Amino acid sequence: GWLWHGGVLGYGLAFLYTLGTAGGLTAISQQRRSWEALIRLADDRERLATSLAAERDRAEAASASRTRFFASASHDLRQPLHALSINATTLELLAKRVGDSRLADISRDIGRSLAQSKGLLDALLDISRLDAGAMKLELGPVNIEKAIEAAAEGIQDRLATDRIELKVDIDPDIGDFTGDERRVVQVLYNLLANAVGFS
């Protein structure tokens, strides 16, 4: 209409309307591309969420399977270890009766190995219980000095065998803390056992 009107005003307004229309079409095109990008992003997020849920389900199934395996293996292996422990004790008593020191040393070594194996099985069973949420901590005051001494006492046989000297220096004012005393001693024992194993 403004072009038909002619003149400077008509041509000028027609030009401005043309620029505005082009700008509007450009903005609409950009907005369309933005919406398409948002839709693609939403689709990608939905696919990612579905994939993560599937991976989570697979991980939970694998964890449950591992838990059942550990529990079954720990239970099944305890029986032959217990039988071996009885045999090792019997062997040690016979060695003392006949006065065979070499046989007594061998029986003690067998007993130590069985004790270590039992500790590993107990750790596996604890892991399976943790995974299953069946482990309950018995919280109470723990004397760290007594816990360290108990762990050190449990490792004495290995220290003597490997000729390693362990010195325990504890601050008498260290005090108590709240925890599961049996688990604390077990953790300290494992630390000491690893230290001895890699010494």
Protein backbone atom coordinates (compact mmCIF):
# COMPACT_ATOMS: atom_id res chain seq x y z
CA GLY A 1 0.00 0.00 0.00
CA TRP A 2 2.76 2.41 0.86
CA LEU A 3 4.56 1.51 -2.35
CA TRP A 4 1.35 2.30 -4.25
CA HIS A 5 1.10 5.57 -2.32
CA GLY A 6 4.58 6.46 -3.56
CA GLY A 7 6.63 9.40 -2.59
CA VAL A 8 9.45 9.59 -0.09
CA LEU A 9 7.19 8.76 2.83
CA GLY A 10 5.56 5.84 1.06
CA TYR A 11 8.78 4.32 -0.16
CA GLY A 12 10.46 4.85 3.22
CA LEU A 13 7.65 3.22 5.20
CA ALA A 14 7.45 0.35 2.68
CA PHE A 15 11.18 -0.23 3.14
CA LEU A 16 10.85 -0.19 6.95
CA TYR A 17 7.91 -2.61 6.85
CA THR A 18 9.94 -4.91 4.58
CA LEU A 19 12.86 -4.88 7.04
CA GLY A 20 10.49 -5.54 9.96
CA THR A 21 8.85 -8.44 8.16
CA ALA A 22 12.24 -9.95 7.28
CA GLY A 23 13.39 -9.52 10.88
CA GLY A 24 10.21 -11.14 12.18
CA LEU A 25 10.57 -14.08 9.83
CA THR A 26 14.21 -14.47 10.89
CA ALA A 27 13.22 -14.38 14.56
CA ILE A 28 10.48 -16.96 13.95
CA SER A 29 12.99 -19.21 12.18
CA GLN A 30 15.49 -18.88 15.03
CA GLN A 31 12.77 -19.59 17.57
CA ARG A 32 11.74 -22.70 15.60
CA ARG A 33 15.33 -23.94 15.62
CA SER A 34 15.55 -23.25 19.38
CA TRP A 35 12.37 -25.23 20.02
CA GLU A 36 13.66 -28.09 17.89
CA ALA A 37 16.92 -28.07 19.86
CA LEU A 38 14.98 -28.11 23.14
CA ILE A 39 12.83 -31.00 21.93
CA ARG A 40 15.95 -32.95 20.87
CA LEU A 41 17.53 -32.20 24.27
CA ALA A 42 14.41 -33.42 26.07
CA ASP A 43 14.42 -36.59 23.99
CA ASP A 44 18.12 -37.14 24.71
CA ARG A 45 17.53 -36.64 28.43
CA GLU A 46 14.65 -39.10 28.38
CA ARG A 47 16.77 -41.69 26.56
CA LEU A 48 19.64 -41.07 28.98
CA ALA A 49 17.32 -41.46 31.98
CA THR A 50 15.98 -44.72 30.55
CA SER A 51 19.51 -45.97 29.91
CA LEU A 52 20.64 -45.01 33.43
CA ALA A 53 17.64 -46.76 34.94
CA ALA A 54 18.45 -49.90 32.98
CA GLU A 55 22.11 -49.75 34.05
CA ARG A 56 21.05 -49.21 37.66
CA ASP A 57 18.77 -52.25 37.52
CA ARG A 58 21.59 -54.35 36.04
CA ALA A 59 24.02 -53.12 38.72
CA GLU A 60 21.53 -53.91 41.49
CA ALA A 61 20.93 -57.37 40.04
CA ALA A 62 24.69 -58.00 39.84
CA SER A 63 25.13 -56.77 43.41
CA ALA A 64 22.38 -59.06 44.65
CA SER A 65 23.91 -62.00 42.78
CA ARG A 66 27.35 -61.23 44.23
CA THR A 67 25.87 -60.97 47.71
CA ARG A 68 24.21 -64.37 47.39
CA PHE A 69 27.44 -65.87 46.04
CA PHE A 70 29.56 -64.48 48.88
CA ALA A 71 27.09 -65.62 51.51
CA SER A 72 26.88 -69.11 50.01
CA ALA A 73 30.65 -69.43 49.50
CA SER A 74 31.43 -68.17 53.00
CA HIS A 75 28.98 -70.60 54.56
CA ASP A 76 30.14 -73.58 52.48
CA LEU A 77 33.83 -72.93 53.11
CA ARG A 78 33.47 -72.50 56.85
CA GLN A 79 32.71 -76.20 57.37
CA PRO A 80 35.90 -77.64 55.81
CA LEU A 81 37.96 -74.91 57.47
CA HIS A 82 36.47 -75.83 60.82
CA ALA A 83 37.29 -79.50 60.20
CA LEU A 84 40.86 -78.57 59.22
CA SER A 85 41.18 -76.47 62.35
CA ILE A 86 40.18 -79.45 64.51
CA ASN A 87 42.70 -81.64 62.69
CA ALA A 88 45.45 -79.03 63.15
CA THR A 89 44.72 -78.84 66.89
CA THR A 90 44.76 -82.62 67.14
CA LEU A 91 48.07 -82.71 65.26
CA GLU A 92 49.57 -80.14 67.62
CA LEU A 93 48.47 -82.15 70.67
CA LEU A 94 49.96 -85.33 69.20
CA ALA A 95 53.19 -83.49 68.42
CA LYS A 96 53.45 -82.32 72.02
CA ARG A 97 52.71 -85.83 73.29
CA VAL A 98 55.47 -87.43 71.21
CA GLY A 99 57.81 -84.49 71.69
CA ASP A 100 58.23 -83.69 68.00
CA SER A 101 58.97 -79.94 67.87
CA ARG A 102 59.08 -79.81 64.07
CA LEU A 103 55.63 -81.36 63.80
CA ALA A 104 54.38 -78.93 66.44
CA ASP A 105 55.71 -75.97 64.41
CA ILE A 106 54.01 -77.30 61.29
CA SER A 107 50.70 -77.69 63.09
CA ARG A 108 50.94 -74.14 64.46
CA ASP A 109 51.66 -72.81 60.96
CA ILE A 110 48.60 -74.66 59.67
CA GLY A 111 46.54 -73.17 62.48
CA ARG A 112 47.72 -69.64 61.66
CA SER A 113 46.92 -70.11 57.97
CA LEU A 114 43.47 -71.39 58.84
CA ALA A 115 42.89 -68.41 61.13
CA GLN A 116 43.85 -66.03 58.32
CA SER A 117 41.55 -67.86 55.92
CA LYS A 118 38.72 -67.63 58.42
CA GLY A 119 39.37 -63.89 58.71
CA LEU A 120 39.10 -63.50 54.95
CA LEU A 121 35.85 -65.46 54.88
CA ASP A 122 34.48 -63.35 57.70
CA ALA A 123 35.36 -60.23 55.70
CA LEU A 124 33.58 -61.65 52.63
CA LEU A 125 30.53 -62.45 54.71
CA ASP A 126 30.57 -58.93 56.15
CA ILE A 127 30.68 -57.50 52.62
CA SER A 128 27.69 -59.59 51.62
CA ARG A 129 25.82 -58.46 54.71
CA LEU A 130 26.66 -54.83 54.00
CA ASP A 131 25.40 -55.17 50.43
CA ALA A 132 22.21 -56.79 51.65
CA GLY A 133 21.75 -54.18 54.38
CA ALA A 134 21.67 -56.97 56.97
CA MET A 135 24.69 -55.93 59.02
CA LYS A 136 23.90 -54.13 62.24
CA LEU A 137 26.65 -52.28 64.05
CA GLU A 138 26.85 -52.69 67.79
CA LEU A 139 27.72 -49.14 68.75
CA GLY A 140 29.21 -48.34 72.09
CA PRO A 141 32.25 -46.75 73.73
CA VAL A 142 35.50 -48.04 72.23
CA ASN A 143 38.80 -47.72 74.04
CA ILE A 144 41.26 -47.20 71.20
CA GLU A 145 44.21 -48.31 73.33
CA LYS A 146 42.60 -51.67 74.10
CA ALA A 147 41.50 -52.05 70.47
CA ILE A 148 45.04 -51.50 69.20
CA GLU A 149 46.44 -53.88 71.78
CA ALA A 150 43.88 -56.55 70.80
CA ALA A 151 44.76 -56.19 67.11
CA ALA A 152 48.49 -56.30 67.91
CA GLU A 153 48.03 -59.40 70.04
CA GLY A 154 46.22 -61.12 67.17
CA ILE A 155 49.14 -60.48 64.82
CA GLN A 156 51.91 -61.59 67.21
CA ASP A 157 52.28 -65.08 65.70
CA ARG A 158 52.87 -63.65 62.22
CA LEU A 159 55.28 -61.12 63.63
CA ALA A 160 57.26 -63.86 65.34
CA THR A 161 57.29 -66.00 62.19
CA ASP A 162 58.52 -63.14 60.00
CA ARG A 163 60.85 -61.81 62.72
CA ILE A 164 59.19 -58.40 62.71
CA GLU A 165 59.08 -56.26 65.83
CA LEU A 166 55.96 -54.21 66.50
CA LYS A 167 56.09 -51.30 68.91
CA VAL A 168 52.85 -49.75 70.09
CA ASP A 169 53.05 -46.19 71.41
CA ILE A 170 49.66 -44.79 72.43
CA ASP A 171 48.89 -41.47 74.03
CA PRO A 172 47.28 -42.38 77.40
CA ASP A 173 44.97 -39.36 77.10
CA ILE A 174 43.53 -40.39 73.73
CA GLY A 175 40.20 -41.32 75.33
CA ASP A 176 37.28 -43.31 73.96
CA PHE A 177 35.03 -42.89 70.93
CA THR A 178 31.72 -44.36 69.80
CA GLY A 179 31.88 -47.29 67.39
CA ASP A 180 31.60 -51.06 66.95
CA GLU A 181 34.54 -52.40 68.94
CA ARG A 182 34.73 -55.74 67.10
CA ARG A 183 34.77 -54.01 63.70
CA VAL A 184 37.38 -51.51 64.87
CA VAL A 185 39.67 -54.32 66.05
CA GLN A 186 39.12 -56.14 62.75
CA VAL A 187 40.04 -53.04 60.72
CA LEU A 188 43.18 -52.47 62.82
CA TYR A 189 44.12 -56.15 62.48
CA ASN A 190 43.71 -55.97 58.69
CA LEU A 191 45.93 -52.88 58.58
CA LEU A 192 48.61 -54.62 60.61
CA ALA A 193 48.31 -57.83 58.56
CA ASN A 194 48.76 -55.85 55.34
CA ALA A 195 51.75 -54.03 56.81
CA VAL A 196 53.34 -57.33 57.78
CA GLY A 197 52.53 -58.88 54.41
CA PHE A 198 54.28 -56.09 52.53
CA SER A 199 57.23 -55.66 54.91
